């Protein structure tokens, strides 16, 4: 199939290559060139060879057709397994080095029906093995590095409904592992390897608060060891290798272009879900991204003040009006890795004076945070910097007052306008793991700060979102106007007059490098850029 036969695909591929070679500049502050790495040039070259739009297609290659990103499973997951192996061997004496056992995601149904949601692999299983199918298990020998997969033995009738049955040898080539066996053979295989124990996941996801429970032992007399694997593999997921960053970069190229498509689809009177649809259509058609990373938020007018609008009870179902903002928080997923991008723009193409005040305050916060980010910087300090810039903008506009910016910060007024955290880790999950590992700074109890999804010090290889926002949410501001302490810092008439703005959020995905950051997201940010794109100007 020729590239020109796939709508938007040739353009997306050209953007991907151009994007990787262009220097990113944030209003006069130079960033590292796009395509630079936190690793050595040799590692970067290896990543390019294994993961690119023109890499050779082998038995282990994942791709979604001409021009989409090609991923060598053998290279990507082989490197991730090797890194985990190195850390486990450093943590365990030789006599206690057993077999890592991961249980993949299971087939599920919609309540009592036979309907099946589109399967998405459990993230730790995907991280180590890249298996797309449900009901598999994976194993890794900590002593030898031998990698094994265990697949369900399916009945012959499966082929009628779901396609040709593939055997262990074919899956071995597809997933680039040392061996594939059937699940019913697993007890004998594991007993034959005679590991001293099975290292299994057991811990709490600090973002969701949910517990990752260990599986049952598949072999009698081989104990489960639950104290080692979870923290080590979680920390591995926090620091991305160049190949992972390449996939997230691709999801950002496609997702960024999806936001442009959504912006150009908007005009007063359009339904919010039509904007959502424009984004989803572009990402699938032009990039092979079948699923969004999360349910998109397409919030117009006062809905933009609702942080997680777009849920089943409020399904992006409002008709936009003239003179309103629309906040689009949407990202796409490719090979389970994804993007998470937010843009905010005037549906009619021009910002009102009040909208511009709020927008420029949030933009100043985002730009200054990105300039300040580098290894060794605490994320809590970046959150405080964002509050400072937003409050400075609101103070200059007369929305807040009664004291200096320092006094406003001390009184936690920033949390009234930005009640969420500044950003979160990004990878195989939208809110990726590792935010509060053992020994890290504890979660703050202060308004706003307590919503931070991590309090860690930045390190090279972290991929994190930078998403300051400013919202006029009556659920927060109306009680504050009645509060004897908070109200003295709020200019009542101004606050009420800004309620119609709704809110502004701007979200970039960045990777921390050795000396700063690389911004992966490429969307119009200045008011002038936004208005130009809304008027039909080319981007980038």
Protein backbone atom coordinates (compact mmCIF):
# COMPACT_ATOMS: atom_id res chain seq x y z
CA UNK A 1 0.00 0.00 0.00
CA UNK A 2 1.33 3.43 -0.92
CA UNK A 3 1.59 6.04 1.83
CA UNK A 4 -0.54 8.44 -0.16
CA UNK A 5 -3.38 5.93 -0.01
CA UNK A 6 -3.69 6.31 3.78
CA UNK A 7 -5.34 9.67 4.67
CA UNK A 8 -3.04 11.84 6.74
CA UNK A 9 -0.37 9.15 7.16
CA UNK A 10 2.27 10.58 4.87
CA UNK A 11 1.89 13.95 6.59
CA UNK A 12 2.19 12.35 10.01
CA UNK A 13 5.37 10.51 9.00
CA UNK A 14 6.90 13.70 7.64
CA UNK A 15 6.01 15.51 10.86
CA UNK A 16 7.61 12.72 12.91
CA UNK A 17 10.93 13.02 11.06
CA UNK A 18 10.86 16.84 11.05
CA UNK A 19 9.91 16.89 14.74
CA UNK A 20 12.92 14.80 15.69
CA UNK A 21 15.35 17.19 14.02
CA UNK A 22 13.91 20.56 15.05
CA UNK A 23 15.11 22.52 18.07
CA UNK A 24 12.40 23.29 20.60
CA UNK A 25 12.33 26.84 21.88
CA UNK A 26 10.11 28.14 24.69
CA UNK A 27 9.81 31.90 24.18
CA UNK A 28 13.51 32.60 23.92
CA UNK A 29 14.67 29.85 26.26
CA UNK A 30 16.46 27.17 24.24
CA UNK A 31 15.82 23.54 25.06
CA UNK A 32 17.89 20.55 24.01
CA UNK A 33 17.31 19.67 20.35
CA UNK A 34 14.42 17.32 19.84
CA UNK A 35 15.87 13.89 19.25
CA UNK A 36 18.63 14.37 21.85
CA UNK A 37 18.89 11.80 24.63
CA UNK A 38 19.79 11.52 28.24
CA UNK A 39 21.91 8.49 27.27
CA UNK A 40 25.02 8.13 25.11
CA UNK A 41 24.93 8.66 21.37
CA UNK A 42 25.51 4.94 20.90
CA UNK A 43 22.39 4.09 22.92
CA UNK A 44 20.40 6.62 20.94
CA UNK A 45 21.61 5.14 17.66
CA UNK A 46 20.65 1.66 18.83
CA UNK A 47 17.20 2.89 19.78
CA UNK A 48 16.78 4.44 16.33
CA UNK A 49 17.83 1.19 14.66
CA UNK A 50 15.30 -0.86 16.65
CA UNK A 51 12.42 1.61 16.83
CA UNK A 52 11.67 3.89 13.90
CA UNK A 53 9.27 4.30 11.00
CA UNK A 54 11.73 2.63 8.63
CA UNK A 55 13.24 -0.15 10.78
CA UNK A 56 13.28 -3.61 9.15
CA UNK A 57 10.12 -5.65 9.65
CA UNK A 58 10.97 -8.93 11.34
CA UNK A 59 8.90 -11.63 13.05
CA UNK A 60 9.09 -9.70 16.35
CA UNK A 61 8.18 -6.27 14.89
CA UNK A 62 5.11 -4.43 16.11
CA UNK A 63 3.67 -1.86 13.71
CA UNK A 64 0.32 -0.67 12.42
CA UNK A 65 1.10 -0.47 8.72
CA UNK A 66 3.05 1.77 6.32
CA UNK A 67 4.62 4.79 7.95
CA UNK A 68 3.72 3.88 11.52
CA UNK A 69 6.36 3.28 14.16
CA UNK A 70 8.07 -0.11 13.98
CA UNK A 71 9.13 -1.63 17.28
CA UNK A 72 11.46 -4.57 17.77
CA UNK A 73 9.98 -6.46 20.70
CA UNK A 74 13.15 -8.49 21.06
CA UNK A 75 15.30 -5.37 21.44
CA UNK A 76 12.93 -3.30 23.58
CA UNK A 77 11.82 -5.95 26.04
CA UNK A 78 15.19 -7.67 25.99
CA UNK A 79 16.79 -4.47 27.28
CA UNK A 80 14.07 -3.96 29.88
CA UNK A 81 14.46 -7.53 31.14
CA UNK A 82 18.24 -7.15 31.26
CA UNK A 83 17.97 -4.00 33.35
CA UNK A 84 15.56 -5.65 35.79
CA UNK A 85 17.83 -8.70 35.96
CA UNK A 86 20.84 -6.56 36.83
CA UNK A 87 19.00 -4.89 39.70
CA UNK A 88 17.54 -8.11 41.04
CA UNK A 89 20.95 -9.78 41.01
CA UNK A 90 22.38 -6.82 42.91
CA UNK A 91 19.64 -7.11 45.53
CA UNK A 92 19.60 -10.89 45.97
CA UNK A 93 22.35 -13.32 47.02
CA UNK A 94 22.87 -16.08 44.47
CA UNK A 95 21.18 -18.76 46.56
CA UNK A 96 17.99 -16.64 46.73
CA UNK A 97 17.78 -15.83 43.02
CA UNK A 98 14.65 -17.53 41.80
CA UNK A 99 12.22 -17.08 38.94
CA UNK A 100 10.29 -13.88 38.31
CA UNK A 101 6.67 -14.82 37.57
CA UNK A 102 4.23 -12.30 36.13
CA UNK A 103 0.55 -12.97 35.53
CA UNK A 104 -0.84 -11.17 32.50
CA UNK A 105 -4.27 -9.66 32.15
CA UNK A 106 -7.29 -11.93 31.96
CA UNK A 107 -10.21 -12.03 29.60
CA UNK A 108 -13.10 -10.01 31.03
CA UNK A 109 -16.78 -9.60 30.20
CA UNK A 110 -19.23 -6.73 30.51
CA UNK A 111 -21.06 -7.68 33.69
CA UNK A 112 -23.15 -10.81 33.02
CA UNK A 113 -23.09 -10.48 29.23
CA UNK A 114 -20.81 -12.18 26.72
CA UNK A 115 -19.54 -8.81 25.52
CA UNK A 116 -15.79 -8.39 25.81
CA UNK A 117 -14.08 -4.99 26.15
CA UNK A 118 -11.03 -4.54 23.95
CA UNK A 119 -8.23 -6.23 25.86
CA UNK A 120 -5.36 -4.13 27.20
CA UNK A 121 -2.42 -5.99 28.69
CA UNK A 122 -1.51 -5.57 32.35
CA UNK A 123 1.27 -2.97 32.41
CA UNK A 124 4.01 -4.93 34.19
CA UNK A 125 3.44 -7.88 31.87
CA UNK A 126 3.64 -5.63 28.84
CA UNK A 127 6.76 -3.96 30.22
CA UNK A 128 8.76 -7.18 30.34
CA UNK A 129 7.26 -9.18 27.49
CA UNK A 130 4.99 -7.12 25.19
CA UNK A 131 2.37 -9.86 24.99
CA UNK A 132 -0.85 -8.68 23.33
CA UNK A 133 -3.08 -11.65 24.19
CA UNK A 134 -4.95 -12.32 27.43
CA UNK A 135 -4.46 -15.14 29.93
CA UNK A 136 -0.69 -15.50 29.48
CA UNK A 137 2.07 -15.65 32.10
CA UNK A 138 5.73 -14.70 31.83
CA UNK A 139 8.82 -15.83 33.67
CA UNK A 140 12.42 -14.66 33.93
CA UNK A 141 15.19 -16.65 35.59
CA UNK A 142 17.17 -14.32 37.84
CA UNK A 143 20.25 -16.57 37.69
CA UNK A 144 20.50 -17.16 33.94
CA UNK A 145 18.30 -14.50 32.34
CA UNK A 146 16.26 -17.16 30.52
CA UNK A 147 12.88 -15.73 29.46
CA UNK A 148 9.77 -17.87 29.13
CA UNK A 149 6.13 -17.34 28.25
CA UNK A 150 3.17 -19.56 29.03
CA UNK A 151 0.19 -19.42 26.66
CA UNK A 152 -3.31 -20.88 27.05
CA UNK A 153 -4.05 -24.05 25.10
CA UNK A 154 -7.05 -23.00 23.03
CA UNK A 155 -9.64 -25.33 21.50
CA UNK A 156 -9.68 -25.81 17.73
CA UNK A 157 -13.07 -24.06 17.57
CA UNK A 158 -11.31 -20.84 18.57
CA UNK A 159 -9.97 -20.53 15.01
CA UNK A 160 -13.50 -20.20 13.60
CA UNK A 161 -14.26 -17.10 15.65
CA UNK A 162 -10.87 -15.51 16.35
CA UNK A 163 -8.51 -16.64 13.58
CA UNK A 164 -5.78 -19.17 12.97
CA UNK A 165 -4.28 -20.79 16.05
CA UNK A 166 -0.59 -20.01 16.49
CA UNK A 167 1.77 -22.38 18.22
CA UNK A 168 4.60 -21.88 20.72
CA UNK A 169 7.34 -21.58 18.09
CA UNK A 170 5.52 -18.82 16.23
CA UNK A 171 4.94 -16.90 19.45
CA UNK A 172 8.57 -17.42 20.45
CA UNK A 173 9.62 -15.58 17.29
CA UNK A 174 6.94 -12.91 17.74
CA UNK A 175 7.93 -12.04 21.29
CA UNK A 176 11.67 -12.66 21.10
CA UNK A 177 11.89 -14.90 24.18
CA UNK A 178 13.86 -18.07 24.85
CA UNK A 179 10.89 -20.44 25.08
CA UNK A 180 7.09 -20.58 24.97
CA UNK A 181 5.08 -23.33 26.67
CA UNK A 182 1.41 -23.95 27.31
CA UNK A 183 -0.02 -22.91 30.68
CA UNK A 184 -0.92 -26.52 31.48
CA UNK A 185 2.78 -27.38 31.14
CA UNK A 186 3.87 -24.63 33.52
CA UNK A 187 4.02 -26.66 36.77
CA UNK A 188 6.35 -29.24 35.21
CA UNK A 189 8.49 -26.60 33.49
CA UNK A 190 8.94 -24.60 36.69
CA UNK A 191 9.67 -27.68 38.80
CA UNK A 192 12.24 -28.74 36.22
CA UNK A 193 14.05 -25.41 36.62
CA UNK A 194 14.09 -25.92 40.42
CA UNK A 195 14.12 -22.26 41.46
CA UNK A 196 14.44 -21.55 45.20
CA UNK A 197 11.37 -19.29 44.96
CA UNK A 198 9.08 -17.38 42.64
CA UNK A 199 9.51 -13.59 42.77
CA UNK A 200 6.02 -12.12 42.33
CA UNK A 201 4.44 -8.67 42.44
CA UNK A 202 2.97 -7.51 45.71
CA UNK A 203 2.62 -3.86 46.66
CA UNK A 204 0.49 -0.73 46.59
CA UNK A 205 0.20 1.58 43.60
CA UNK A 206 0.84 4.93 45.30
CA UNK A 207 -1.14 6.79 42.65
CA UNK A 208 -4.36 4.78 42.83
CA UNK A 209 -3.94 3.34 46.31
CA UNK A 210 -4.87 -0.09 44.93
CA UNK A 211 -2.99 -3.24 45.92
CA UNK A 212 -1.19 -5.41 43.39
CA UNK A 213 -1.84 -8.92 44.68
CA UNK A 214 0.43 -11.90 44.02
CA UNK A 215 -0.77 -14.86 41.92
CA UNK A 216 -1.17 -18.35 43.29
CA UNK A 217 1.91 -20.56 43.10
CA UNK A 218 1.70 -22.81 40.01
CA UNK A 219 4.04 -25.40 41.50
CA UNK A 220 3.79 -27.05 44.90
CA UNK A 221 6.73 -26.70 47.28
CA UNK A 222 8.11 -23.63 45.48
CA UNK A 223 7.36 -20.62 47.70
CA UNK A 224 6.29 -17.16 46.57
CA UNK A 225 8.70 -14.34 47.43
CA UNK A 226 6.83 -11.01 47.64
CA UNK A 227 9.32 -8.55 49.15
CA UNK A 228 11.70 -7.80 46.27
CA UNK A 229 10.19 -7.56 42.81
CA UNK A 230 7.54 -4.83 43.12
CA UNK A 231 9.73 -1.93 44.24
CA UNK A 232 12.57 -2.79 41.87
CA UNK A 233 10.50 -3.22 38.71
CA UNK A 234 8.44 -0.14 39.57
CA UNK A 235 11.59 1.96 39.82
CA UNK A 236 12.75 0.54 36.49
CA UNK A 237 9.53 1.82 34.94
CA UNK A 238 10.13 5.34 36.31
CA UNK A 239 13.40 5.81 34.40
CA UNK A 240 12.75 5.22 30.71
CA UNK A 241 15.31 3.79 28.31
CA UNK A 242 15.78 5.48 24.89
CA UNK A 243 13.58 2.93 23.13
CA UNK A 244 10.66 3.68 25.45
CA UNK A 245 11.13 7.42 24.95
CA UNK A 246 11.03 6.88 21.18
CA UNK A 247 7.57 5.31 21.47
CA UNK A 248 6.30 8.08 23.76
CA UNK A 249 7.74 10.61 21.31
CA UNK A 250 5.74 9.03 18.50
CA UNK A 251 2.56 9.11 20.60
CA UNK A 252 3.23 12.81 21.18
CA UNK A 253 3.74 13.54 17.49
CA UNK A 254 0.46 11.86 16.62
CA UNK A 255 -1.35 13.27 19.67
CA UNK A 256 -0.09 16.81 19.00
CA UNK A 257 -1.35 16.62 15.43
CA UNK A 258 -4.66 15.28 16.77
CA UNK A 259 -5.06 18.41 18.88
CA UNK A 260 -4.46 20.56 15.80
CA UNK A 261 -7.13 18.60 13.94
CA UNK A 262 -9.53 19.14 16.85
CA UNK A 263 -8.81 22.86 16.97
CA UNK A 264 -9.52 23.20 13.26
CA UNK A 265 -12.77 21.28 13.60
CA UNK A 266 -14.19 23.70 16.17
CA UNK A 267 -16.54 26.60 15.70
CA UNK A 268 -19.33 28.02 17.83
CA UNK A 269 -22.25 25.63 17.94
CA UNK A 270 -20.24 22.43 17.54
CA UNK A 271 -20.86 19.72 20.13
CA UNK A 272 -18.03 18.92 22.51
CA UNK A 273 -18.04 15.28 21.43
CA UNK A 274 -17.42 16.34 17.83
CA UNK A 275 -14.14 17.90 18.95
CA UNK A 276 -13.32 14.68 20.80
CA UNK A 277 -14.18 12.71 17.66
CA UNK A 278 -11.87 14.81 15.49
CA UNK A 279 -8.97 14.04 17.82
CA UNK A 280 -9.69 10.30 17.95
CA UNK A 281 -10.19 10.05 14.19
CA UNK A 282 -6.88 11.72 13.42
CA UNK A 283 -4.87 9.61 15.86
CA UNK A 284 -6.22 6.33 14.51
CA UNK A 285 -6.23 7.27 10.81
CA UNK A 286 -2.90 9.08 10.69
CA UNK A 287 -0.96 7.21 13.38
CA UNK A 288 -2.43 3.77 13.94
CA UNK A 289 -3.31 4.67 17.53
CA UNK A 290 -6.41 2.55 18.06
CA UNK A 291 -7.20 3.68 21.58
CA UNK A 292 -7.00 6.92 23.52
CA UNK A 293 -4.72 6.83 26.55
CA UNK A 294 -7.75 7.77 28.67
CA UNK A 295 -11.29 9.08 28.15
CA UNK A 296 -10.84 12.48 26.47
CA UNK A 297 -12.01 15.65 28.18
CA UNK A 298 -13.57 18.15 25.76
CA UNK A 299 -14.89 20.81 28.13
CA UNK A 300 -16.37 24.07 26.90
CA UNK A 301 -17.40 27.17 28.81
CA UNK A 302 -17.83 26.60 32.52
CA UNK A 303 -17.30 22.85 32.02
CA UNK A 304 -13.61 23.66 31.63
CA UNK A 305 -13.48 24.21 35.40
CA UNK A 306 -14.41 20.55 35.99
CA UNK A 307 -11.13 18.67 36.25
CA UNK A 308 -12.30 15.26 35.00
CA UNK A 309 -15.25 16.26 32.86
CA UNK A 310 -16.10 13.85 30.04
CA UNK A 311 -17.04 10.88 32.21
CA UNK A 312 -20.10 8.67 31.56
CA UNK A 313 -22.38 11.06 33.41
CA UNK A 314 -21.12 14.10 31.47
CA UNK A 315 -20.04 12.64 28.11
CA UNK A 316 -18.75 15.78 26.38
CA UNK A 317 -22.36 16.48 25.43
CA UNK A 318 -22.63 20.27 25.62
CA UNK A 319 -23.01 22.53 22.62
CA UNK A 320 -20.28 25.15 22.47
CA UNK A 321 -21.17 28.82 22.32
CA UNK A 322 -19.57 31.94 20.82
CA UNK A 323 -16.94 33.62 22.96
CA UNK A 324 -16.21 30.44 24.96
CA UNK A 325 -13.02 28.51 25.64
CA UNK A 326 -12.70 24.79 25.02
CA UNK A 327 -10.27 22.73 27.08
CA UNK A 328 -9.20 19.50 25.35
CA UNK A 329 -7.29 17.01 27.50
CA UNK A 330 -6.61 14.02 25.27
CA UNK A 331 -3.79 11.62 24.50
CA UNK A 332 -3.31 8.61 22.27
CA UNK A 333 -1.82 5.19 22.91
CA UNK A 334 0.64 3.26 20.75
CA UNK A 335 1.97 -0.12 21.85
CA UNK A 336 0.47 0.61 25.30
CA UNK A 337 2.72 3.68 25.77
CA UNK A 338 0.98 7.01 25.37
CA UNK A 339 0.72 10.77 25.38
CA UNK A 340 -1.31 13.09 27.61
CA UNK A 341 -1.73 16.56 26.12
CA UNK A 342 -3.98 19.48 27.03
CA UNK A 343 -4.72 22.53 24.93
CA UNK A 344 -7.18 25.34 25.65
CA UNK A 345 -8.45 27.65 22.92
CA UNK A 346 -11.28 30.01 21.98
CA UNK A 347 -13.96 28.23 19.97
CA UNK A 348 -14.55 31.38 17.94
CA UNK A 349 -10.86 31.86 17.20
CA UNK A 350 -10.11 34.92 19.37
CA UNK A 351 -9.45 35.20 23.11
CA UNK A 352 -11.51 37.66 25.12
CA UNK A 353 -9.51 39.96 27.44
CA UNK A 354 -10.44 37.92 30.53
CA UNK A 355 -9.65 34.62 28.82
CA UNK A 356 -6.28 35.97 27.76
CA UNK A 357 -5.43 37.03 31.32
CA UNK A 358 -6.02 33.52 32.63
CA UNK A 359 -4.34 31.86 29.64
CA UNK A 360 -1.18 33.97 29.89
CA UNK A 361 -0.90 33.31 33.64
CA UNK A 362 -1.02 29.57 33.05
CA UNK A 363 1.36 29.80 30.11
CA UNK A 364 3.87 31.75 32.22
CA UNK A 365 3.68 29.01 34.83
CA UNK A 366 4.28 26.27 32.27
CA UNK A 367 7.16 28.05 30.55
CA UNK A 368 8.98 28.94 33.75
CA UNK A 369 8.57 25.47 35.21
CA UNK A 370 9.97 23.91 32.03
CA UNK A 371 12.91 26.32 32.07
CA UNK A 372 13.66 25.45 35.70
CA UNK A 373 13.42 21.68 35.36
CA UNK A 374 16.64 19.66 35.51
CA UNK A 375 18.08 16.76 37.51
CA UNK A 376 18.16 17.49 41.24
CA UNK A 377 15.13 19.79 41.24
CA UNK A 378 12.29 18.82 43.58
CA UNK A 379 8.89 18.46 41.93
CA UNK A 380 7.25 20.15 44.92
CA UNK A 381 9.34 23.25 44.18
CA UNK A 382 8.09 23.24 40.58
CA UNK A 383 4.50 23.05 41.85
CA UNK A 384 5.15 26.08 44.08
CA UNK A 385 6.69 27.94 41.12
CA UNK A 386 3.55 27.29 39.08
CA UNK A 387 1.39 28.70 41.87
CA UNK A 388 3.61 31.78 42.06
CA UNK A 389 3.27 32.58 38.35
CA UNK A 390 -0.50 31.99 38.28
CA UNK A 391 -1.05 34.17 41.36
CA UNK A 392 1.14 36.90 39.90
CA UNK A 393 -1.10 36.97 36.83
CA UNK A 394 -4.29 37.02 38.87
CA UNK A 395 -2.90 39.71 41.18
CA UNK A 396 -2.02 41.92 38.23
CA UNK A 397 -5.54 41.47 36.85
CA UNK A 398 -7.17 42.35 40.17
CA UNK A 399 -8.75 38.93 40.72
CA UNK A 400 -6.84 38.42 43.97
CA UNK A 401 -5.42 41.00 46.37
CA UNK A 402 -5.16 41.91 50.02
CA UNK A 403 -1.51 40.99 50.25
CA UNK A 404 1.69 40.09 48.44
CA UNK A 405 2.24 36.97 46.36
CA UNK A 406 4.16 35.54 49.32
CA UNK A 407 1.15 36.06 51.58
CA UNK A 408 -1.15 34.50 48.99
CA UNK A 409 1.12 31.46 48.78
CA UNK A 410 1.27 31.17 52.55
CA UNK A 411 -2.53 31.26 52.73
CA UNK A 412 -2.77 28.46 50.09
CA UNK A 413 -4.79 30.64 47.73
CA UNK A 414 -3.08 28.89 44.80
CA UNK A 415 -4.93 25.69 45.68
CA UNK A 416 -8.26 27.44 45.15
CA UNK A 417 -7.41 28.07 41.50
CA UNK A 418 -5.29 24.96 40.79
CA UNK A 419 -6.46 22.17 43.09
CA UNK A 420 -4.60 19.42 41.21
CA UNK A 421 -0.92 18.57 41.10
CA UNK A 422 1.44 20.05 38.52
CA UNK A 423 1.96 16.77 36.67
CA UNK A 424 2.51 13.04 36.81
CA UNK A 425 4.79 10.35 35.46
CA UNK A 426 3.78 9.05 32.03
CA UNK A 427 4.47 5.73 30.35
CA UNK A 428 2.45 2.53 30.21
CA UNK A 429 -0.22 4.22 32.31
CA UNK A 430 -1.49 7.77 32.11
CA UNK A 431 -0.62 8.25 35.77
CA UNK A 432 2.43 6.02 35.72
CA UNK A 433 3.85 4.21 38.71
CA UNK A 434 6.60 5.18 41.14
CA UNK A 435 5.38 8.52 42.46
CA UNK A 436 5.99 7.79 46.14
CA UNK A 437 8.50 4.93 46.48
CA UNK A 438 9.94 3.85 49.84
CA UNK A 439 12.27 6.52 51.20
CA UNK A 440 10.87 9.35 49.08
CA UNK A 441 9.39 12.55 50.56
CA UNK A 442 5.93 11.93 52.00
CA UNK A 443 2.79 13.34 50.43
CA UNK A 444 2.03 16.86 51.65
CA UNK A 445 -1.18 17.71 53.51
CA UNK A 446 -1.38 21.25 52.09
CA UNK A 447 -4.19 22.12 49.66
CA UNK A 448 -3.03 21.54 46.11
CA UNK A 449 0.27 20.03 47.19
CA UNK A 450 -1.55 16.98 48.58
CA UNK A 451 -2.79 16.27 45.06
CA UNK A 452 0.75 15.94 43.70
CA UNK A 453 1.22 12.50 42.18
CA UNK A 454 4.90 12.59 43.10
CA UNK A 455 7.16 14.60 45.38
CA UNK A 456 10.38 13.21 43.97
CA UNK A 457 13.56 14.92 42.87
CA UNK A 458 13.89 14.87 39.08
CA UNK A 459 16.27 12.39 37.45
CA UNK A 460 17.35 11.87 33.83
CA UNK A 461 15.02 9.51 32.02
CA UNK A 462 11.86 10.48 33.90
CA UNK A 463 8.95 11.26 31.58
CA UNK A 464 6.54 13.60 33.31
CA UNK A 465 3.71 15.95 32.39
CA UNK A 466 3.80 19.69 33.04
CA UNK A 467 0.17 20.77 33.31
CA UNK A 468 -0.52 23.95 35.27
CA UNK A 469 -4.10 25.18 35.26
CA UNK A 470 -6.28 27.96 36.57
CA UNK A 471 -9.97 27.31 37.13
CA UNK A 472 -12.95 29.28 38.35
CA UNK A 473 -14.75 26.41 39.98
CA UNK A 474 -17.71 27.46 42.12
CA UNK A 475 -17.36 24.36 44.31
CA UNK A 476 -14.07 25.81 45.58
CA UNK A 477 -14.42 29.55 45.15
CA UNK A 478 -17.92 30.17 46.52
CA UNK A 479 -17.10 28.67 49.95
CA UNK A 480 -13.77 30.53 49.91
CA UNK A 481 -15.62 33.82 49.37
CA UNK A 482 -17.45 33.11 52.64
CA UNK A 483 -14.33 32.04 54.52
CA UNK A 484 -13.04 34.80 56.87
CA UNK A 485 -9.39 34.02 56.06
CA UNK A 486 -9.50 33.13 52.38
CA UNK A 487 -11.99 35.83 51.38
CA UNK A 488 -9.70 38.71 52.29
CA UNK A 489 -7.40 37.64 49.42
CA UNK A 490 -10.20 37.30 46.86
CA UNK A 491 -11.69 40.27 45.01
CA UNK A 492 -15.31 39.14 45.05
CA UNK A 493 -16.71 41.01 42.06
CA UNK A 494 -13.71 40.10 39.91
CA UNK A 495 -13.86 36.43 40.88
CA UNK A 496 -17.55 36.28 40.04
CA UNK A 497 -17.02 38.03 36.71
CA UNK A 498 -14.35 35.48 35.72
CA UNK A 499 -16.59 32.47 36.43
CA UNK A 500 -17.73 32.38 32.79
CA UNK A 501 -14.11 31.77 31.69
CA UNK A 502 -14.32 28.28 33.17
CA UNK A 503 -10.70 27.29 33.20
CA UNK A 504 -7.42 26.92 31.35
CA UNK A 505 -5.01 23.98 31.45
CA UNK A 506 -1.87 23.56 29.34
CA UNK A 507 -0.13 20.19 29.39
CA UNK A 508 3.18 19.15 27.87
CA UNK A 509 4.93 15.79 28.09
CA UNK A 510 8.65 16.15 28.76
CA UNK A 511 11.61 13.87 29.40
CA UNK A 512 14.25 14.94 31.90
CA UNK A 513 17.74 15.00 30.35
CA UNK A 514 21.18 15.39 31.88
CA UNK A 515 20.96 19.18 31.76
CA UNK A 516 17.29 20.09 31.47
CA UNK A 517 14.33 18.67 29.59
CA UNK A 518 13.26 17.69 26.11
CA UNK A 519 9.70 18.72 25.35
CA UNK A 520 7.97 15.95 23.42
CA UNK A 521 4.68 17.78 22.86
CA UNK A 522 4.49 20.20 19.92
CA UNK A 523 1.29 22.25 19.90
CA UNK A 524 0.66 26.01 19.58
CA UNK A 525 1.05 27.66 22.97
CA UNK A 526 1.27 31.44 22.70
CA UNK A 527 -2.07 33.22 22.24
CA UNK A 528 -0.84 34.43 18.86
CA UNK A 529 0.02 30.88 17.75
CA UNK A 530 -3.32 29.55 18.95
CA UNK A 531 -5.32 32.23 17.14
CA UNK A 532 -3.27 31.74 13.97
CA UNK A 533 -3.91 27.99 13.92
CA UNK A 534 -7.61 28.57 14.60
CA UNK A 535 -7.60 30.88 11.56
CA UNK A 536 -6.09 28.13 9.38
CA UNK A 537 -2.34 28.79 9.60
CA UNK A 538 0.04 25.88 9.12
CA UNK A 539 1.50 24.11 12.15
CA UNK A 540 4.27 23.62 12.98
